[in-house]
Amino acid sequence: MRRSSQVDCGETGRIRDFSGMKNVQTKVVTRRPADEVYAYLADFTHQAEWRFDVLTSELVSGEVGRVGARYRQRVRPGRKETASEVELTRADPPGEVAFRTLDRGPVTVSGAWHIRSVDAGTEVVCDVAIETKGPLKLLEPLMGPQLRKIAGRYEADLSERLGA
């Protein structure tokens, strides 16, 4: 049986805790048109502009904005710098961009940006699933506050970058 609990994260959306997985949701509204927002998010080289923990992001195979495009990112999720590989798994202009990490480490991340036109411009809802494995799984119950902090910063930085 899959049990879940939901924690209210205020403006940064929700964190849901499923057995073996954390799900985080954020939302940004910008005055930019949906097709422009889609193009920005579908090119993962832009992540170094608004994700504080991504130092560089370069396309290593495939085409920008196309399913199968792979990016090598230098990330610093804490004090240690590491390399990560991310793949674009779904590209549905101008409504959705999905991704997953391809790293073999103890954390796997997948998610999608859902983009839609609203009266105020464009709404971007980001749903991310974080799965832990091995010994890191033992620390999972303690991850909630840190994930809320990271999600809030991503939301604020993307909002600023998109001119929301």
N, C-alpha and C. Protein backbone atom coordinates (compact mmCIF):
# COMPACT_ATOMS: atom_id res chain seq x y z
N MET A 1 0.84 -1.19 0.00
CA MET A 1 0.00 0.00 0.00
C MET A 1 0.87 1.24 0.00
N ARG A 2 0.57 2.18 -0.84
CA ARG A 2 1.33 3.42 -0.94
C ARG A 2 0.67 4.47 -0.05
N ARG A 3 1.42 4.95 0.92
CA ARG A 3 0.90 5.98 1.81
C ARG A 3 1.56 7.29 1.47
N SER A 4 0.82 8.35 1.63
CA SER A 4 1.42 9.65 1.37
C SER A 4 0.96 10.63 2.43
N SER A 5 1.82 11.60 2.66
CA SER A 5 1.45 12.72 3.51
C SER A 5 1.80 13.97 2.73
N GLN A 6 1.07 15.02 2.94
CA GLN A 6 1.29 16.26 2.20
C GLN A 6 1.67 17.34 3.18
N VAL A 7 2.70 18.09 2.85
CA VAL A 7 3.16 19.20 3.67
C VAL A 7 2.93 20.48 2.89
N ASP A 8 2.29 21.46 3.51
CA ASP A 8 2.04 22.73 2.84
C ASP A 8 3.33 23.54 2.84
N CYS A 9 3.74 23.97 1.65
CA CYS A 9 4.99 24.74 1.52
C CYS A 9 4.70 26.20 1.23
N GLY A 10 3.54 26.67 1.52
CA GLY A 10 3.21 28.07 1.28
C GLY A 10 3.29 28.38 -0.20
N GLU A 11 4.02 29.44 -0.55
CA GLU A 11 4.10 29.87 -1.94
C GLU A 11 4.88 28.90 -2.82
N THR A 12 5.68 28.01 -2.23
CA THR A 12 6.50 27.12 -3.05
C THR A 12 5.79 25.82 -3.38
N GLY A 13 4.50 25.74 -3.19
CA GLY A 13 3.77 24.55 -3.60
C GLY A 13 3.70 23.50 -2.53
N ARG A 14 3.87 22.25 -2.95
CA ARG A 14 3.69 21.13 -2.03
C ARG A 14 4.86 20.17 -2.12
N ILE A 15 5.09 19.47 -1.03
CA ILE A 15 5.99 18.32 -1.05
C ILE A 15 5.15 17.14 -0.62
N ARG A 16 5.16 16.12 -1.43
CA ARG A 16 4.46 14.89 -1.08
C ARG A 16 5.50 13.82 -0.83
N ASP A 17 5.26 13.05 0.19
CA ASP A 17 6.20 12.03 0.59
C ASP A 17 5.59 10.66 0.32
N PHE A 18 6.08 9.99 -0.72
CA PHE A 18 5.65 8.63 -1.01
C PHE A 18 6.76 7.70 -0.56
N SER A 19 6.43 6.47 -0.33
CA SER A 19 7.45 5.50 0.05
C SER A 19 8.54 5.46 -1.01
N GLY A 20 9.75 5.86 -0.63
CA GLY A 20 10.87 5.82 -1.55
C GLY A 20 10.99 7.01 -2.48
N MET A 21 10.11 8.01 -2.35
CA MET A 21 10.15 9.12 -3.29
C MET A 21 9.58 10.39 -2.65
N LYS A 22 10.20 11.52 -2.98
CA LYS A 22 9.68 12.83 -2.59
C LYS A 22 9.23 13.52 -3.86
N ASN A 23 8.08 14.15 -3.84
CA ASN A 23 7.57 14.91 -4.97
C ASN A 23 7.42 16.36 -4.56
N VAL A 24 7.97 17.24 -5.38
CA VAL A 24 7.97 18.68 -5.10
C VAL A 24 7.26 19.39 -6.24
N GLN A 25 6.46 20.39 -5.90
CA GLN A 25 5.77 21.17 -6.93
C GLN A 25 5.98 22.66 -6.65
N THR A 26 6.31 23.41 -7.72
CA THR A 26 6.44 24.86 -7.63
C THR A 26 5.62 25.48 -8.75
N LYS A 27 5.34 26.78 -8.60
CA LYS A 27 4.56 27.48 -9.62
C LYS A 27 5.07 28.90 -9.80
N VAL A 28 5.17 29.31 -11.07
CA VAL A 28 5.60 30.66 -11.43
C VAL A 28 4.61 31.19 -12.46
N VAL A 29 4.24 32.46 -12.35
CA VAL A 29 3.42 33.12 -13.36
C VAL A 29 4.23 34.29 -13.89
N THR A 30 4.32 34.37 -15.22
CA THR A 30 5.09 35.42 -15.87
C THR A 30 4.26 36.09 -16.96
N ARG A 31 4.65 37.30 -17.32
CA ARG A 31 3.95 38.00 -18.40
C ARG A 31 4.42 37.52 -19.78
N ARG A 32 5.50 36.78 -19.84
CA ARG A 32 6.01 36.29 -21.13
C ARG A 32 5.03 35.29 -21.76
N PRO A 33 5.00 35.23 -23.09
CA PRO A 33 4.11 34.28 -23.77
C PRO A 33 4.58 32.83 -23.58
N ALA A 34 3.64 31.91 -23.63
CA ALA A 34 3.91 30.49 -23.38
C ALA A 34 4.99 29.92 -24.31
N ASP A 35 4.98 30.28 -25.58
CA ASP A 35 5.96 29.71 -26.51
C ASP A 35 7.38 30.17 -26.17
N GLU A 36 7.52 31.38 -25.68
CA GLU A 36 8.83 31.90 -25.27
C GLU A 36 9.32 31.20 -24.00
N VAL A 37 8.42 31.00 -23.05
CA VAL A 37 8.75 30.29 -21.81
C VAL A 37 9.14 28.85 -22.13
N TYR A 38 8.36 28.21 -23.00
CA TYR A 38 8.66 26.84 -23.41
C TYR A 38 10.06 26.75 -24.00
N ALA A 39 10.39 27.62 -24.94
CA ALA A 39 11.70 27.60 -25.60
C ALA A 39 12.83 27.77 -24.59
N TYR A 40 12.62 28.64 -23.61
CA TYR A 40 13.63 28.87 -22.58
C TYR A 40 13.84 27.61 -21.74
N LEU A 41 12.76 26.99 -21.30
CA LEU A 41 12.87 25.80 -20.44
C LEU A 41 13.33 24.56 -21.20
N ALA A 42 13.02 24.46 -22.48
CA ALA A 42 13.40 23.29 -23.28
C ALA A 42 14.89 23.27 -23.62
N ASP A 43 15.57 24.40 -23.44
CA ASP A 43 17.01 24.48 -23.66
C ASP A 43 17.68 24.45 -22.29
N PHE A 44 18.14 23.28 -21.88
CA PHE A 44 18.67 23.11 -20.53
C PHE A 44 19.98 23.86 -20.28
N THR A 45 20.59 24.43 -21.33
CA THR A 45 21.78 25.25 -21.08
C THR A 45 21.41 26.48 -20.25
N HIS A 46 20.16 26.88 -20.28
CA HIS A 46 19.70 28.03 -19.50
C HIS A 46 19.62 27.74 -18.00
N GLN A 47 19.66 26.47 -17.61
CA GLN A 47 19.52 26.15 -16.18
C GLN A 47 20.61 26.77 -15.33
N ALA A 48 21.80 26.96 -15.90
CA ALA A 48 22.88 27.60 -15.14
C ALA A 48 22.57 29.08 -14.85
N GLU A 49 21.60 29.64 -15.54
CA GLU A 49 21.21 31.03 -15.32
C GLU A 49 20.28 31.21 -14.13
N TRP A 50 19.52 30.17 -13.76
CA TRP A 50 18.54 30.34 -12.70
C TRP A 50 18.57 29.27 -11.62
N ARG A 51 19.27 28.19 -11.83
CA ARG A 51 19.41 27.18 -10.78
C ARG A 51 20.74 27.42 -10.07
N PHE A 52 20.69 27.83 -8.83
CA PHE A 52 21.89 28.21 -8.09
C PHE A 52 22.90 27.09 -7.96
N ASP A 53 22.47 25.84 -8.04
CA ASP A 53 23.37 24.70 -7.87
C ASP A 53 23.92 24.16 -9.19
N VAL A 54 23.53 24.73 -10.32
CA VAL A 54 24.06 24.32 -11.62
C VAL A 54 25.10 25.35 -12.04
N LEU A 55 26.34 24.91 -12.12
CA LEU A 55 27.44 25.80 -12.49
C LEU A 55 27.55 25.95 -14.00
N THR A 56 27.42 24.83 -14.72
CA THR A 56 27.42 24.85 -16.18
C THR A 56 26.46 23.78 -16.68
N SER A 57 25.95 23.98 -17.88
CA SER A 57 25.07 22.99 -18.51
C SER A 57 25.32 23.06 -20.01
N GLU A 58 25.81 21.95 -20.58
CA GLU A 58 26.11 21.96 -22.01
C GLU A 58 25.45 20.76 -22.70
N LEU A 59 24.98 21.00 -23.91
CA LEU A 59 24.40 19.96 -24.73
C LEU A 59 25.52 19.03 -25.19
N VAL A 60 25.37 17.71 -24.92
CA VAL A 60 26.41 16.76 -25.33
C VAL A 60 25.93 15.81 -26.42
N SER A 61 24.62 15.67 -26.60
CA SER A 61 24.10 14.87 -27.72
C SER A 61 22.65 15.26 -27.98
N GLY A 62 22.22 15.04 -29.22
CA GLY A 62 20.86 15.38 -29.61
C GLY A 62 20.74 16.84 -30.00
N GLU A 63 19.49 17.29 -30.11
CA GLU A 63 19.19 18.66 -30.50
C GLU A 63 18.42 19.37 -29.39
N VAL A 64 18.72 20.64 -29.22
CA VAL A 64 18.03 21.46 -28.22
C VAL A 64 16.52 21.36 -28.44
N GLY A 65 15.79 21.12 -27.35
CA GLY A 65 14.33 21.09 -27.42
C GLY A 65 13.74 19.81 -27.98
N ARG A 66 14.56 18.82 -28.28
CA ARG A 66 14.07 17.56 -28.84
C ARG A 66 14.24 16.42 -27.83
N VAL A 67 13.29 15.51 -27.83
CA VAL A 67 13.37 14.34 -26.96
C VAL A 67 14.69 13.62 -27.23
N GLY A 68 15.35 13.22 -26.16
CA GLY A 68 16.63 12.53 -26.28
C GLY A 68 17.84 13.44 -26.13
N ALA A 69 17.63 14.76 -26.17
CA ALA A 69 18.76 15.68 -25.97
C ALA A 69 19.35 15.42 -24.59
N ARG A 70 20.69 15.34 -24.52
CA ARG A 70 21.36 15.09 -23.25
C ARG A 70 22.31 16.24 -22.93
N TYR A 71 22.31 16.59 -21.67
CA TYR A 71 23.12 17.70 -21.18
C TYR A 71 24.02 17.21 -20.06
N ARG A 72 25.25 17.67 -20.08
CA ARG A 72 26.17 17.42 -18.96
C ARG A 72 26.20 18.69 -18.13
N GLN A 73 25.92 18.51 -16.86
CA GLN A 73 25.90 19.65 -15.96
C GLN A 73 26.94 19.48 -14.87
N ARG A 74 27.62 20.56 -14.55
CA ARG A 74 28.46 20.60 -13.35
C ARG A 74 27.57 21.20 -12.28
N VAL A 75 27.38 20.45 -11.21
CA VAL A 75 26.47 20.90 -10.16
C VAL A 75 27.19 20.90 -8.81
N ARG A 76 26.71 21.75 -7.94
CA ARG A 76 27.20 21.79 -6.57
C ARG A 76 25.97 21.78 -5.65
N PRO A 77 25.45 20.57 -5.39
CA PRO A 77 24.24 20.48 -4.56
C PRO A 77 24.50 20.78 -3.08
N GLY A 78 25.72 20.78 -2.70
CA GLY A 78 26.13 21.10 -1.32
C GLY A 78 27.51 21.71 -1.39
N ARG A 79 28.44 21.10 -0.71
CA ARG A 79 29.81 21.60 -0.74
C ARG A 79 30.65 20.96 -1.82
N LYS A 80 30.20 19.82 -2.32
CA LYS A 80 30.98 19.06 -3.29
C LYS A 80 30.46 19.27 -4.71
N GLU A 81 31.38 19.58 -5.61
CA GLU A 81 31.02 19.75 -7.02
C GLU A 81 31.06 18.38 -7.70
N THR A 82 30.09 18.11 -8.58
CA THR A 82 30.01 16.83 -9.27
C THR A 82 29.43 17.04 -10.66
N ALA A 83 29.52 16.00 -11.48
CA ALA A 83 28.94 16.04 -12.82
C ALA A 83 27.63 15.28 -12.81
N SER A 84 26.70 15.72 -13.61
CA SER A 84 25.40 15.09 -13.73
C SER A 84 24.99 15.09 -15.18
N GLU A 85 24.24 14.08 -15.59
CA GLU A 85 23.72 14.05 -16.95
C GLU A 85 22.20 14.06 -16.90
N VAL A 86 21.61 14.93 -17.71
CA VAL A 86 20.15 15.11 -17.74
C VAL A 86 19.66 14.90 -19.16
N GLU A 87 18.52 14.23 -19.29
CA GLU A 87 17.95 13.95 -20.60
C GLU A 87 16.56 14.56 -20.71
N LEU A 88 16.29 15.17 -21.85
CA LEU A 88 14.95 15.68 -22.15
C LEU A 88 14.11 14.46 -22.58
N THR A 89 13.06 14.16 -21.83
CA THR A 89 12.27 12.95 -22.09
C THR A 89 10.94 13.21 -22.78
N ARG A 90 10.46 14.45 -22.72
CA ARG A 90 9.20 14.79 -23.39
C ARG A 90 9.26 16.26 -23.79
N ALA A 91 8.87 16.52 -25.02
CA ALA A 91 8.86 17.89 -25.54
C ALA A 91 7.56 18.09 -26.30
N ASP A 92 6.64 18.82 -25.70
CA ASP A 92 5.32 19.04 -26.29
C ASP A 92 5.05 20.54 -26.32
N PRO A 93 5.57 21.25 -27.35
CA PRO A 93 5.42 22.71 -27.40
C PRO A 93 3.97 23.14 -27.54
N PRO A 94 3.57 24.21 -26.92
CA PRO A 94 4.29 24.95 -25.89
C PRO A 94 3.89 24.54 -24.49
N GLY A 95 3.41 23.30 -24.33
CA GLY A 95 2.79 22.94 -23.06
C GLY A 95 3.59 22.14 -22.05
N GLU A 96 4.61 21.38 -22.48
CA GLU A 96 5.29 20.54 -21.49
C GLU A 96 6.71 20.21 -21.91
N VAL A 97 7.60 20.24 -20.92
CA VAL A 97 8.99 19.82 -21.06
C VAL A 97 9.27 18.89 -19.89
N ALA A 98 9.73 17.66 -20.17
CA ALA A 98 10.01 16.70 -19.11
C ALA A 98 11.47 16.24 -19.18
N PHE A 99 11.98 15.79 -18.05
CA PHE A 99 13.39 15.43 -17.95
C PHE A 99 13.60 14.33 -16.92
N ARG A 100 14.81 13.77 -16.95
CA ARG A 100 15.24 12.84 -15.91
C ARG A 100 16.76 12.87 -15.85
N THR A 101 17.29 12.59 -14.67
CA THR A 101 18.73 12.47 -14.54
C THR A 101 19.11 11.04 -14.92
N LEU A 102 20.33 10.88 -15.44
CA LEU A 102 20.81 9.57 -15.88
C LEU A 102 21.94 9.06 -14.99
N ASP A 103 22.19 9.73 -13.90
CA ASP A 103 23.29 9.37 -13.01
C ASP A 103 23.00 8.06 -12.28
N ARG A 104 24.04 7.34 -11.96
CA ARG A 104 23.89 6.06 -11.27
C ARG A 104 24.02 6.18 -9.76
N GLY A 105 24.03 7.37 -9.25
CA GLY A 105 24.20 7.59 -7.83
C GLY A 105 22.97 7.25 -7.01
N PRO A 106 22.97 7.65 -5.74
CA PRO A 106 21.88 7.31 -4.83
C PRO A 106 20.62 8.16 -5.00
N VAL A 107 20.66 9.16 -5.90
CA VAL A 107 19.49 10.02 -6.11
C VAL A 107 19.16 10.06 -7.60
N THR A 108 17.88 9.83 -7.91
CA THR A 108 17.38 9.97 -9.28
C THR A 108 16.30 11.05 -9.26
N VAL A 109 16.38 11.97 -10.20
CA VAL A 109 15.42 13.06 -10.27
C VAL A 109 14.73 13.02 -11.63
N SER A 110 13.42 13.16 -11.63
CA SER A 110 12.66 13.29 -12.88
C SER A 110 11.58 14.32 -12.65
N GLY A 111 11.10 14.90 -13.74
CA GLY A 111 10.06 15.91 -13.56
C GLY A 111 9.62 16.52 -14.87
N ALA A 112 8.75 17.51 -14.74
CA ALA A 112 8.21 18.19 -15.93
C ALA A 112 7.77 19.59 -15.57
N TRP A 113 7.93 20.48 -16.56
CA TRP A 113 7.35 21.81 -16.47
C TRP A 113 6.08 21.78 -17.30
N HIS A 114 4.97 22.16 -16.70
CA HIS A 114 3.68 22.24 -17.38
C HIS A 114 3.41 23.72 -17.61
N ILE A 115 3.28 24.11 -18.86
CA ILE A 115 3.21 25.52 -19.25
C ILE A 115 1.84 25.79 -19.87
N ARG A 116 1.15 26.82 -19.37
CA ARG A 116 -0.15 27.15 -19.96
C ARG A 116 -0.40 28.64 -19.89
N SER A 117 -1.13 29.12 -20.89
CA SER A 117 -1.51 30.53 -20.92
C SER A 117 -2.61 30.79 -19.90
N VAL A 118 -2.48 31.90 -19.19
CA VAL A 118 -3.48 32.35 -18.23
C VAL A 118 -3.70 33.84 -18.47
N ASP A 119 -4.70 34.42 -17.83
CA ASP A 119 -5.01 35.84 -18.03
C ASP A 119 -3.80 36.74 -17.77
N ALA A 120 -3.00 36.39 -16.77
CA ALA A 120 -1.85 37.22 -16.39
C ALA A 120 -0.63 36.99 -17.28
N GLY A 121 -0.70 36.01 -18.18
CA GLY A 121 0.44 35.69 -19.05
C GLY A 121 0.60 34.19 -19.21
N THR A 122 1.61 33.63 -18.55
CA THR A 122 1.89 32.20 -18.63
C THR A 122 2.16 31.65 -17.24
N GLU A 123 1.54 30.51 -16.95
CA GLU A 123 1.77 29.81 -15.69
C GLU A 123 2.68 28.62 -15.95
N VAL A 124 3.68 28.44 -15.10
CA VAL A 124 4.60 27.31 -15.19
C VAL A 124 4.49 26.54 -13.88
N VAL A 125 4.06 25.30 -13.96
CA VAL A 125 4.01 24.42 -12.79
C VAL A 125 5.08 23.36 -13.00
N CYS A 126 5.96 23.25 -12.04
CA CYS A 126 7.03 22.25 -12.12
C CYS A 126 6.76 21.15 -11.11
N ASP A 127 6.66 19.93 -11.59
CA ASP A 127 6.51 18.75 -10.74
C ASP A 127 7.80 17.95 -10.82
N VAL A 128 8.42 17.70 -9.68
CA VAL A 128 9.68 16.96 -9.63
C VAL A 128 9.54 15.79 -8.66
N ALA A 129 10.04 14.63 -9.07
CA ALA A 129 10.09 13.44 -8.21
C ALA A 129 11.54 13.13 -7.92
N ILE A 130 11.86 12.97 -6.64
CA ILE A 130 13.21 12.67 -6.20
C ILE A 130 13.18 11.31 -5.52
N GLU A 131 13.92 10.37 -6.10
CA GLU A 131 13.96 9.02 -5.55
C GLU A 131 15.34 8.75 -4.98
N THR A 132 15.37 8.26 -3.75
CA THR A 132 16.64 7.94 -3.10
C THR A 132 16.81 6.43 -3.04
N LYS A 133 18.09 6.02 -3.06
CA LYS A 133 18.42 4.59 -2.99
C LYS A 133 19.55 4.39 -1.99
N GLY A 134 19.73 3.15 -1.58
CA GLY A 134 20.84 2.80 -0.71
C GLY A 134 20.76 3.48 0.64
N PRO A 135 21.93 3.75 1.23
CA PRO A 135 21.96 4.35 2.58
C PRO A 135 21.30 5.72 2.66
N LEU A 136 21.29 6.46 1.55
CA LEU A 136 20.66 7.78 1.55
C LEU A 136 19.17 7.70 1.85
N LYS A 137 18.57 6.57 1.55
CA LYS A 137 17.15 6.36 1.80
C LYS A 137 16.82 6.55 3.29
N LEU A 138 17.79 6.25 4.15
CA LEU A 138 17.58 6.41 5.59
C LEU A 138 17.42 7.88 5.99
N LEU A 139 18.00 8.77 5.21
CA LEU A 139 17.91 10.21 5.51
C LEU A 139 16.68 10.87 4.90
N GLU A 140 15.95 10.12 4.10
CA GLU A 140 14.80 10.68 3.38
C GLU A 140 13.80 11.40 4.27
N PRO A 141 13.46 10.89 5.45
CA PRO A 141 12.49 11.61 6.29
C PRO A 141 12.95 13.02 6.69
N LEU A 142 14.25 13.26 6.64
CA LEU A 142 14.79 14.56 7.04
C LEU A 142 14.92 15.53 5.86
N MET A 143 14.61 15.09 4.66
CA MET A 143 14.82 15.90 3.46
C MET A 143 13.79 17.00 3.23
N GLY A 144 12.61 16.88 3.82
CA GLY A 144 11.52 17.83 3.57
C GLY A 144 11.89 19.29 3.70
N PRO A 145 12.45 19.73 4.85
CA PRO A 145 12.79 21.15 5.00
C PRO A 145 13.80 21.64 3.98
N GLN A 146 14.81 20.83 3.67
CA GLN A 146 15.82 21.24 2.70
C GLN A 146 15.22 21.33 1.30
N LEU A 147 14.35 20.38 0.95
CA LEU A 147 13.69 20.42 -0.36
C LEU A 147 12.79 21.64 -0.50
N ARG A 148 12.10 22.01 0.56
CA ARG A 148 11.26 23.21 0.53
C ARG A 148 12.12 24.46 0.29
N LYS A 149 13.28 24.50 0.94
CA LYS A 149 14.18 25.64 0.78
C LYS A 149 14.71 25.71 -0.66
N ILE A 150 15.15 24.58 -1.20
CA ILE A 150 15.66 24.54 -2.57
C ILE A 150 14.56 24.89 -3.56
N ALA A 151 13.37 24.30 -3.38
CA ALA A 151 12.24 24.58 -4.29
C ALA A 151 11.87 26.06 -4.27
N GLY A 152 11.88 26.66 -3.09
CA GLY A 152 11.58 28.08 -2.98
C GLY A 152 12.59 28.95 -3.70
N ARG A 153 13.84 28.56 -3.61
CA ARG A 153 14.88 29.34 -4.30
C ARG A 153 14.78 29.17 -5.81
N TYR A 154 14.56 27.93 -6.28
CA TYR A 154 14.36 27.71 -7.72
C TYR A 154 13.20 28.55 -8.22
N GLU A 155 12.10 28.52 -7.48
CA GLU A 155 10.90 29.25 -7.89
C GLU A 155 11.19 30.75 -7.98
N ALA A 156 11.85 31.30 -6.97
CA ALA A 156 12.16 32.73 -6.96
C ALA A 156 13.12 33.11 -8.07
N ASP A 157 14.14 32.29 -8.28
CA ASP A 157 15.14 32.61 -9.31
C ASP A 157 14.57 32.48 -10.70
N LEU A 158 13.75 31.45 -10.95
CA LEU A 158 13.12 31.31 -12.27
C LEU A 158 12.14 32.45 -12.50
N SER A 159 11.39 32.81 -11.48
CA SER A 159 10.44 33.91 -11.57
C SER A 159 11.16 35.21 -11.95
N GLU A 160 12.29 35.46 -11.30
CA GLU A 160 13.07 36.66 -11.60
C GLU A 160 13.62 36.60 -13.04
N ARG A 161 14.12 35.45 -13.42
CA ARG A 161 14.70 35.29 -14.76
C ARG A 161 13.65 35.50 -15.85
N LEU A 162 12.43 35.02 -15.59
CA LEU A 162 11.36 35.16 -16.58
C LEU A 162 10.67 36.52 -16.48
N GLY A 163 11.08 37.33 -15.52
CA GLY A 163 10.50 38.66 -15.39
C GLY A 163 9.08 38.64 -14.88
N ALA A 164 8.81 37.73 -13.95
CA ALA A 164 7.45 37.58 -13.42
C ALA A 164 7.08 38.71 -12.50
